[in-house]
Amino acid sequence: MWYGFFRYSHNHLKERHDYVIPHLSKALFNLVNQGYEEVIIQPLHIMSTSDIKRIEEVVDEYKYSMKRIVICNTLFSDEEGNEIANIIWDDSEKNDILLVGHGSKKNSNKIYDVITEAVRNKSNKKVYLATLEGEKTLDLAIEEILKDATKKLTLK
């Protein structure tokens, strides 16, 4: 059974497909009432944020109603960025790399610097970073790329 916990997608799915995703507390309530004893929650977030803290708070309310309820790690869960660097980096890749992430208007964009550095260390390539929100704009990344006279670039 699939339940999603999305902050932004609720209205889009309702408007476009007449589908409503229940809030996590409602989903867990339904699962308990349907007799589920084990639930695994996989956050879709790249890093731990206040959204993850809210998920943990809701799960705490239901942990005594089930035999097992688990929240898996976010994609970026180690401090050095090695997990995500292994996913991003491709040994056969000849080009330098431009990483583009969603970013945030908050201070949580520092995590992208850690990821960029981890990919640089893993690949020994020039690695550039741009975010859609925040200070690391695409324009700044393009300036760096032009300054370095980068010829071949892979967008990830």
N, C-alpha and C. Protein backbone atom coordinates (compact mmCIF):
# COMPACT_ATOMS: atom_id res chain seq x y z
N MET A 1 0.86 -1.17 0.00
CA MET A 1 0.00 0.00 0.00
C MET A 1 0.90 1.23 0.00
N TRP A 2 0.58 2.23 -0.78
CA TRP A 2 1.39 3.43 -0.93
C TRP A 2 0.67 4.62 -0.32
N TYR A 3 1.36 5.29 0.56
CA TYR A 3 0.89 6.56 1.09
C TYR A 3 2.01 7.55 0.92
N GLY A 4 1.72 8.74 0.52
CA GLY A 4 2.74 9.76 0.37
C GLY A 4 2.57 10.84 1.41
N PHE A 5 3.66 11.47 1.75
CA PHE A 5 3.63 12.60 2.68
C PHE A 5 4.32 13.75 1.97
N PHE A 6 3.55 14.54 1.26
CA PHE A 6 4.10 15.62 0.46
C PHE A 6 3.50 16.93 0.90
N ARG A 7 4.34 17.92 1.03
CA ARG A 7 3.86 19.23 1.44
C ARG A 7 3.29 19.98 0.24
N TYR A 8 3.92 19.89 -0.91
CA TYR A 8 3.54 20.70 -2.06
C TYR A 8 2.62 19.98 -3.04
N SER A 9 2.61 18.67 -3.05
CA SER A 9 1.92 17.93 -4.09
C SER A 9 0.43 17.75 -3.86
N HIS A 10 -0.04 17.96 -2.64
CA HIS A 10 -1.44 17.71 -2.35
C HIS A 10 -2.37 18.39 -3.34
N ASN A 11 -2.22 19.69 -3.51
CA ASN A 11 -3.13 20.44 -4.37
C ASN A 11 -3.00 20.04 -5.82
N HIS A 12 -1.77 19.79 -6.27
CA HIS A 12 -1.55 19.41 -7.67
C HIS A 12 -2.24 18.09 -8.00
N LEU A 13 -2.10 17.11 -7.14
CA LEU A 13 -2.72 15.81 -7.41
C LEU A 13 -4.24 15.91 -7.33
N LYS A 14 -4.75 16.70 -6.42
CA LYS A 14 -6.20 16.88 -6.29
C LYS A 14 -6.75 17.58 -7.54
N GLU A 15 -6.08 18.65 -7.97
CA GLU A 15 -6.55 19.40 -9.13
C GLU A 15 -6.43 18.61 -10.42
N ARG A 16 -5.32 17.95 -10.62
CA ARG A 16 -5.05 17.28 -11.89
C ARG A 16 -5.64 15.89 -12.00
N HIS A 17 -5.68 15.15 -10.87
CA HIS A 17 -6.07 13.74 -10.94
C HIS A 17 -7.18 13.37 -9.96
N ASP A 18 -7.72 14.35 -9.26
CA ASP A 18 -8.75 14.13 -8.26
C ASP A 18 -8.32 13.05 -7.26
N TYR A 19 -7.04 13.11 -6.86
CA TYR A 19 -6.48 12.16 -5.91
C TYR A 19 -5.97 12.92 -4.70
N VAL A 20 -6.36 12.48 -3.54
CA VAL A 20 -5.94 13.13 -2.30
C VAL A 20 -5.00 12.19 -1.55
N ILE A 21 -3.82 12.69 -1.22
CA ILE A 21 -2.88 11.92 -0.41
C ILE A 21 -3.15 12.27 1.04
N PRO A 22 -3.44 11.27 1.86
CA PRO A 22 -3.72 11.58 3.26
C PRO A 22 -2.47 12.04 4.00
N HIS A 23 -2.66 12.88 4.99
CA HIS A 23 -1.56 13.29 5.86
C HIS A 23 -1.01 12.04 6.55
N LEU A 24 0.25 12.07 6.93
CA LEU A 24 0.89 10.90 7.51
C LEU A 24 0.12 10.35 8.70
N SER A 25 -0.38 11.22 9.58
CA SER A 25 -1.11 10.73 10.75
C SER A 25 -2.37 9.98 10.34
N LYS A 26 -3.05 10.45 9.33
CA LYS A 26 -4.25 9.76 8.83
C LYS A 26 -3.86 8.43 8.18
N ALA A 27 -2.76 8.42 7.43
CA ALA A 27 -2.30 7.19 6.79
C ALA A 27 -1.94 6.14 7.84
N LEU A 28 -1.21 6.55 8.88
CA LEU A 28 -0.85 5.60 9.94
C LEU A 28 -2.08 5.13 10.71
N PHE A 29 -3.00 6.02 10.96
CA PHE A 29 -4.26 5.65 11.61
C PHE A 29 -4.97 4.57 10.80
N ASN A 30 -5.06 4.77 9.47
CA ASN A 30 -5.71 3.79 8.60
C ASN A 30 -4.97 2.46 8.61
N LEU A 31 -3.65 2.49 8.57
CA LEU A 31 -2.86 1.26 8.57
C LEU A 31 -3.06 0.47 9.86
N VAL A 32 -3.09 1.16 10.99
CA VAL A 32 -3.33 0.50 12.28
C VAL A 32 -4.71 -0.15 12.26
N ASN A 33 -5.71 0.57 11.78
CA ASN A 33 -7.08 0.04 11.75
C ASN A 33 -7.24 -1.10 10.76
N GLN A 34 -6.38 -1.16 9.75
CA GLN A 34 -6.44 -2.25 8.78
C GLN A 34 -5.62 -3.46 9.23
N GLY A 35 -4.99 -3.36 10.39
CA GLY A 35 -4.28 -4.50 10.95
C GLY A 35 -2.81 -4.60 10.60
N TYR A 36 -2.25 -3.58 9.98
CA TYR A 36 -0.82 -3.63 9.67
C TYR A 36 -0.03 -3.58 10.97
N GLU A 37 1.02 -4.40 11.04
CA GLU A 37 1.84 -4.44 12.24
C GLU A 37 3.24 -3.87 12.02
N GLU A 38 3.63 -3.76 10.76
CA GLU A 38 4.95 -3.21 10.43
C GLU A 38 4.81 -2.17 9.34
N VAL A 39 5.49 -1.05 9.52
CA VAL A 39 5.46 0.03 8.53
C VAL A 39 6.89 0.56 8.38
N ILE A 40 7.30 0.74 7.14
CA ILE A 40 8.59 1.34 6.84
C ILE A 40 8.32 2.63 6.08
N ILE A 41 8.86 3.72 6.58
CA ILE A 41 8.67 5.03 5.96
C ILE A 41 9.98 5.44 5.32
N GLN A 42 9.96 5.71 4.02
CA GLN A 42 11.16 6.17 3.31
C GLN A 42 10.94 7.62 2.91
N PRO A 43 11.58 8.55 3.63
CA PRO A 43 11.44 9.96 3.25
C PRO A 43 12.01 10.21 1.85
N LEU A 44 11.40 11.11 1.14
CA LEU A 44 11.87 11.47 -0.19
C LEU A 44 12.81 12.67 -0.15
N HIS A 45 13.07 13.16 1.04
CA HIS A 45 13.95 14.30 1.21
C HIS A 45 15.40 13.90 1.00
N ILE A 46 16.21 14.80 0.49
CA ILE A 46 17.63 14.51 0.29
C ILE A 46 18.39 14.62 1.60
N MET A 47 17.89 15.44 2.53
CA MET A 47 18.58 15.63 3.80
C MET A 47 17.55 15.79 4.91
N SER A 48 18.01 15.61 6.11
CA SER A 48 17.14 15.75 7.26
C SER A 48 16.78 17.22 7.46
N THR A 49 15.50 17.51 7.50
CA THR A 49 15.01 18.88 7.64
C THR A 49 13.94 18.92 8.72
N SER A 50 13.32 20.06 8.87
CA SER A 50 12.22 20.16 9.85
C SER A 50 11.06 19.26 9.43
N ASP A 51 10.93 18.98 8.13
CA ASP A 51 9.88 18.05 7.68
C ASP A 51 10.12 16.66 8.27
N ILE A 52 11.37 16.23 8.33
CA ILE A 52 11.70 14.93 8.90
C ILE A 52 11.37 14.93 10.39
N LYS A 53 11.65 16.02 11.05
CA LYS A 53 11.32 16.12 12.48
C LYS A 53 9.82 15.97 12.70
N ARG A 54 9.02 16.56 11.81
CA ARG A 54 7.56 16.43 11.92
C ARG A 54 7.13 14.98 11.67
N ILE A 55 7.78 14.31 10.74
CA ILE A 55 7.48 12.89 10.48
C ILE A 55 7.78 12.09 11.75
N GLU A 56 8.93 12.34 12.36
CA GLU A 56 9.30 11.64 13.59
C GLU A 56 8.28 11.87 14.70
N GLU A 57 7.77 13.08 14.82
CA GLU A 57 6.78 13.39 15.85
C GLU A 57 5.50 12.60 15.63
N VAL A 58 5.06 12.51 14.38
CA VAL A 58 3.85 11.75 14.07
C VAL A 58 4.08 10.26 14.33
N VAL A 59 5.22 9.76 13.91
CA VAL A 59 5.53 8.34 14.11
C VAL A 59 5.57 8.00 15.60
N ASP A 60 6.08 8.90 16.43
CA ASP A 60 6.13 8.66 17.87
C ASP A 60 4.73 8.39 18.44
N GLU A 61 3.71 9.01 17.85
CA GLU A 61 2.34 8.81 18.32
C GLU A 61 1.84 7.40 18.02
N TYR A 62 2.43 6.73 17.02
CA TYR A 62 1.93 5.43 16.56
C TYR A 62 2.87 4.28 16.87
N LYS A 63 4.04 4.54 17.44
CA LYS A 63 5.01 3.46 17.63
C LYS A 63 4.52 2.38 18.60
N TYR A 64 3.59 2.70 19.47
CA TYR A 64 3.06 1.70 20.41
C TYR A 64 1.85 0.96 19.83
N SER A 65 1.39 1.37 18.66
CA SER A 65 0.24 0.72 18.02
C SER A 65 0.65 -0.36 17.05
N MET A 66 1.96 -0.50 16.81
CA MET A 66 2.46 -1.48 15.84
C MET A 66 3.64 -2.23 16.45
N LYS A 67 3.92 -3.39 15.86
CA LYS A 67 5.10 -4.13 16.30
C LYS A 67 6.37 -3.42 15.88
N ARG A 68 6.33 -2.83 14.69
CA ARG A 68 7.55 -2.19 14.17
C ARG A 68 7.16 -1.04 13.24
N ILE A 69 7.74 0.11 13.49
CA ILE A 69 7.59 1.25 12.60
C ILE A 69 8.96 1.91 12.48
N VAL A 70 9.44 2.06 11.25
CA VAL A 70 10.80 2.51 11.00
C VAL A 70 10.77 3.69 10.04
N ILE A 71 11.61 4.68 10.33
CA ILE A 71 11.84 5.78 9.39
C ILE A 71 13.24 5.58 8.83
N CYS A 72 13.34 5.36 7.54
CA CYS A 72 14.64 5.16 6.90
C CYS A 72 15.39 6.48 6.83
N ASN A 73 16.69 6.37 6.63
CA ASN A 73 17.52 7.57 6.50
C ASN A 73 17.16 8.34 5.23
N THR A 74 17.40 9.63 5.30
CA THR A 74 17.30 10.42 4.08
C THR A 74 18.48 10.05 3.19
N LEU A 75 18.42 10.44 1.94
CA LEU A 75 19.49 10.10 1.01
C LEU A 75 20.83 10.59 1.53
N PHE A 76 20.87 11.81 2.03
CA PHE A 76 22.11 12.35 2.56
C PHE A 76 22.07 12.21 4.07
N SER A 77 22.70 11.16 4.58
CA SER A 77 22.64 10.92 6.01
C SER A 77 24.01 10.87 6.67
N ASP A 78 25.08 10.87 5.89
CA ASP A 78 26.40 10.91 6.52
C ASP A 78 27.00 12.30 6.38
N GLU A 79 27.83 12.66 7.32
CA GLU A 79 28.36 14.02 7.40
C GLU A 79 29.35 14.36 6.28
N GLU A 80 29.99 13.36 5.69
CA GLU A 80 30.99 13.63 4.67
C GLU A 80 30.40 13.63 3.26
N GLY A 81 29.19 13.18 3.09
CA GLY A 81 28.59 13.16 1.76
C GLY A 81 29.00 11.97 0.91
N ASN A 82 29.62 10.96 1.52
CA ASN A 82 30.12 9.83 0.75
C ASN A 82 29.02 9.02 0.08
N GLU A 83 27.88 8.82 0.78
CA GLU A 83 26.80 8.03 0.20
C GLU A 83 26.32 8.64 -1.11
N ILE A 84 26.03 9.92 -1.08
CA ILE A 84 25.50 10.56 -2.28
C ILE A 84 26.58 10.75 -3.33
N ALA A 85 27.83 10.94 -2.92
CA ALA A 85 28.92 11.05 -3.89
C ALA A 85 29.06 9.76 -4.67
N ASN A 86 28.90 8.62 -4.01
CA ASN A 86 28.95 7.33 -4.69
C ASN A 86 27.83 7.18 -5.71
N ILE A 87 26.68 7.75 -5.41
CA ILE A 87 25.54 7.68 -6.33
C ILE A 87 25.77 8.59 -7.53
N ILE A 88 26.29 9.78 -7.29
CA ILE A 88 26.47 10.78 -8.35
C ILE A 88 27.64 10.45 -9.27
N TRP A 89 28.72 10.02 -8.69
CA TRP A 89 29.96 9.83 -9.43
C TRP A 89 29.90 8.56 -10.26
N ASP A 90 30.34 8.67 -11.49
CA ASP A 90 30.41 7.54 -12.41
C ASP A 90 31.85 7.43 -12.90
N ASP A 91 32.49 6.31 -12.62
CA ASP A 91 33.91 6.12 -12.94
C ASP A 91 34.19 6.26 -14.43
N SER A 92 33.23 5.93 -15.27
CA SER A 92 33.44 6.00 -16.72
C SER A 92 33.26 7.41 -17.26
N GLU A 93 32.76 8.31 -16.44
CA GLU A 93 32.48 9.68 -16.86
C GLU A 93 33.77 10.45 -17.16
N LYS A 94 33.86 11.00 -18.36
CA LYS A 94 35.05 11.76 -18.76
C LYS A 94 34.89 13.26 -18.50
N ASN A 95 33.67 13.74 -18.44
CA ASN A 95 33.39 15.17 -18.34
C ASN A 95 33.45 15.67 -16.91
N ASP A 96 33.62 16.97 -16.77
CA ASP A 96 33.43 17.61 -15.48
C ASP A 96 31.94 17.59 -15.17
N ILE A 97 31.57 17.97 -13.96
CA ILE A 97 30.19 17.75 -13.50
C ILE A 97 29.57 19.05 -13.01
N LEU A 98 28.33 19.29 -13.43
CA LEU A 98 27.51 20.37 -12.87
C LEU A 98 26.38 19.72 -12.09
N LEU A 99 26.40 19.92 -10.79
CA LEU A 99 25.33 19.41 -9.93
C LEU A 99 24.27 20.50 -9.78
N VAL A 100 23.02 20.15 -9.98
CA VAL A 100 21.93 21.10 -9.79
C VAL A 100 20.94 20.48 -8.82
N GLY A 101 20.67 21.22 -7.75
CA GLY A 101 19.73 20.76 -6.74
C GLY A 101 18.62 21.77 -6.56
N HIS A 102 17.59 21.37 -5.87
CA HIS A 102 16.47 22.27 -5.63
C HIS A 102 16.89 23.44 -4.77
N GLY A 103 17.63 23.15 -3.71
CA GLY A 103 18.04 24.22 -2.82
C GLY A 103 16.91 24.68 -1.92
N SER A 104 17.20 25.69 -1.15
CA SER A 104 16.23 26.21 -0.20
C SER A 104 16.55 27.67 0.07
N LYS A 105 15.55 28.42 0.42
CA LYS A 105 15.78 29.82 0.79
C LYS A 105 16.37 29.92 2.19
N LYS A 106 16.38 28.79 2.91
CA LYS A 106 16.91 28.75 4.27
C LYS A 106 18.40 28.39 4.23
N ASN A 107 19.01 28.30 5.37
CA ASN A 107 20.44 28.01 5.49
C ASN A 107 20.81 26.57 5.20
N SER A 108 19.87 25.71 4.89
CA SER A 108 20.17 24.29 4.69
C SER A 108 20.93 24.02 3.40
N ASN A 109 21.24 25.03 2.62
CA ASN A 109 21.99 24.83 1.37
C ASN A 109 23.45 24.45 1.63
N LYS A 110 23.93 24.60 2.84
CA LYS A 110 25.31 24.23 3.16
C LYS A 110 25.57 22.76 2.83
N ILE A 111 24.55 21.96 2.90
CA ILE A 111 24.69 20.53 2.62
C ILE A 111 25.16 20.31 1.18
N TYR A 112 24.76 21.19 0.27
CA TYR A 112 25.18 21.05 -1.12
C TYR A 112 26.69 21.26 -1.28
N ASP A 113 27.27 22.12 -0.45
CA ASP A 113 28.72 22.30 -0.48
C ASP A 113 29.44 21.02 -0.05
N VAL A 114 28.88 20.35 0.95
CA VAL A 114 29.46 19.09 1.41
C VAL A 114 29.38 18.04 0.31
N ILE A 115 28.24 17.97 -0.36
CA ILE A 115 28.05 17.01 -1.45
C ILE A 115 29.03 17.32 -2.59
N THR A 116 29.14 18.58 -2.96
CA THR A 116 30.04 18.98 -4.04
C THR A 116 31.48 18.59 -3.72
N GLU A 117 31.91 18.87 -2.50
CA GLU A 117 33.28 18.52 -2.10
C GLU A 117 33.50 17.01 -2.10
N ALA A 118 32.50 16.26 -1.65
CA ALA A 118 32.62 14.79 -1.65
C ALA A 118 32.75 14.25 -3.07
N VAL A 119 32.00 14.81 -4.01
CA VAL A 119 32.09 14.37 -5.40
C VAL A 119 33.45 14.76 -5.97
N ARG A 120 33.93 15.95 -5.65
CA ARG A 120 35.28 16.36 -6.10
C ARG A 120 36.34 15.39 -5.61
N ASN A 121 36.27 15.04 -4.34
CA ASN A 121 37.26 14.12 -3.76
C ASN A 121 37.19 12.74 -4.38
N LYS A 122 35.99 12.30 -4.69
CA LYS A 122 35.79 10.97 -5.26
C LYS A 122 36.23 10.91 -6.71
N SER A 123 35.97 11.97 -7.46
CA SER A 123 36.14 11.91 -8.92
C SER A 123 37.41 12.59 -9.43
N ASN A 124 37.99 13.49 -8.63
CA ASN A 124 39.14 14.29 -9.09
C ASN A 124 38.79 15.07 -10.36
N LYS A 125 37.56 15.52 -10.46
CA LYS A 125 37.10 16.33 -11.59
C LYS A 125 36.69 17.71 -11.07
N LYS A 126 36.50 18.62 -12.00
CA LYS A 126 35.93 19.90 -11.63
C LYS A 126 34.44 19.66 -11.42
N VAL A 127 33.94 20.10 -10.29
CA VAL A 127 32.53 19.91 -9.95
C VAL A 127 31.96 21.27 -9.60
N TYR A 128 30.87 21.62 -10.28
CA TYR A 128 30.21 22.91 -10.07
C TYR A 128 28.84 22.65 -9.46
N LEU A 129 28.30 23.66 -8.83
CA LEU A 129 27.03 23.50 -8.13
C LEU A 129 26.11 24.68 -8.42
N ALA A 130 24.85 24.36 -8.66
CA ALA A 130 23.81 25.38 -8.78
C ALA A 130 22.56 24.87 -8.08
N THR A 131 21.82 25.78 -7.44
CA THR A 131 20.54 25.42 -6.84
C THR A 131 19.46 26.33 -7.43
N LEU A 132 18.25 25.81 -7.46
CA LEU A 132 17.13 26.58 -8.01
C LEU A 132 16.68 27.66 -7.04
N GLU A 133 16.87 27.40 -5.74
CA GLU A 133 16.57 28.39 -4.71
C GLU A 133 17.81 28.60 -3.87
N GLY A 134 18.02 29.79 -3.41
CA GLY A 134 19.17 30.06 -2.55
C GLY A 134 20.27 30.82 -3.28
N GLU A 135 21.43 30.84 -2.64
CA GLU A 135 22.54 31.67 -3.11
C GLU A 135 23.34 31.07 -4.25
N LYS A 136 23.36 29.78 -4.39
CA LYS A 136 24.18 29.10 -5.40
C LYS A 136 23.44 29.08 -6.75
N THR A 137 23.32 30.23 -7.37
CA THR A 137 22.52 30.36 -8.59
C THR A 137 23.22 29.74 -9.79
N LEU A 138 22.46 29.45 -10.81
CA LEU A 138 23.00 28.92 -12.05
C LEU A 138 23.95 29.93 -12.69
N ASP A 139 23.62 31.20 -12.59
CA ASP A 139 24.49 32.25 -13.14
C ASP A 139 25.89 32.19 -12.52
N LEU A 140 25.96 31.99 -11.21
CA LEU A 140 27.27 31.89 -10.55
C LEU A 140 28.03 30.65 -11.01
N ALA A 141 27.31 29.54 -11.18
CA ALA A 141 27.95 28.31 -11.66
C ALA A 141 28.48 28.52 -13.08
N ILE A 142 27.71 29.18 -13.93
CA ILE A 142 28.14 29.44 -15.31
C ILE A 142 29.39 30.31 -15.32
N GLU A 143 29.44 31.31 -14.43
CA GLU A 143 30.64 32.15 -14.33
C GLU A 143 31.88 31.31 -14.01
N GLU A 144 31.74 30.39 -13.06
CA GLU A 144 32.86 29.50 -12.70
C GLU A 144 33.26 28.61 -13.88
N ILE A 145 32.26 28.06 -14.56
CA ILE A 145 32.52 27.18 -15.70
C ILE A 145 33.28 27.93 -16.79
N LEU A 146 32.84 29.15 -17.09
CA LEU A 146 33.51 29.95 -18.12
C LEU A 146 34.92 30.35 -17.68
N LYS A 147 35.08 30.70 -16.40
CA LYS A 147 36.39 31.09 -15.88
C LYS A 147 37.39 29.93 -16.00
N ASP A 148 36.91 28.72 -15.75
CA ASP A 148 37.77 27.53 -15.83
C ASP A 148 37.92 27.02 -17.26
N ALA A 149 37.21 27.63 -18.21
CA ALA A 149 37.24 27.20 -19.61
C ALA A 149 36.91 25.72 -19.76
N THR A 150 35.93 25.28 -19.00
CA THR A 150 35.49 23.88 -19.06
C THR A 150 34.89 23.60 -20.44
N LYS A 151 35.31 22.52 -21.04
CA LYS A 151 34.88 22.18 -22.41
C LYS A 151 33.71 21.19 -22.42
N LYS A 152 33.77 20.17 -21.56
CA LYS A 152 32.72 19.14 -21.54
C LYS A 152 32.18 19.02 -20.13
N LEU A 153 30.87 19.03 -20.04
CA LEU A 153 30.22 19.08 -18.74
C LEU A 153 29.03 18.14 -18.75
N THR A 154 28.87 17.40 -17.68
CA THR A 154 27.71 16.53 -17.51
C THR A 154 26.84 17.14 -16.43
N LEU A 155 25.55 17.30 -16.71
CA LEU A 155 24.59 17.85 -15.76
C LEU A 155 23.99 16.71 -14.95
N LYS A 156 24.07 16.85 -13.64
CA LYS A 156 23.49 15.82 -12.76
C LYS A 156 22.67 16.50 -11.69
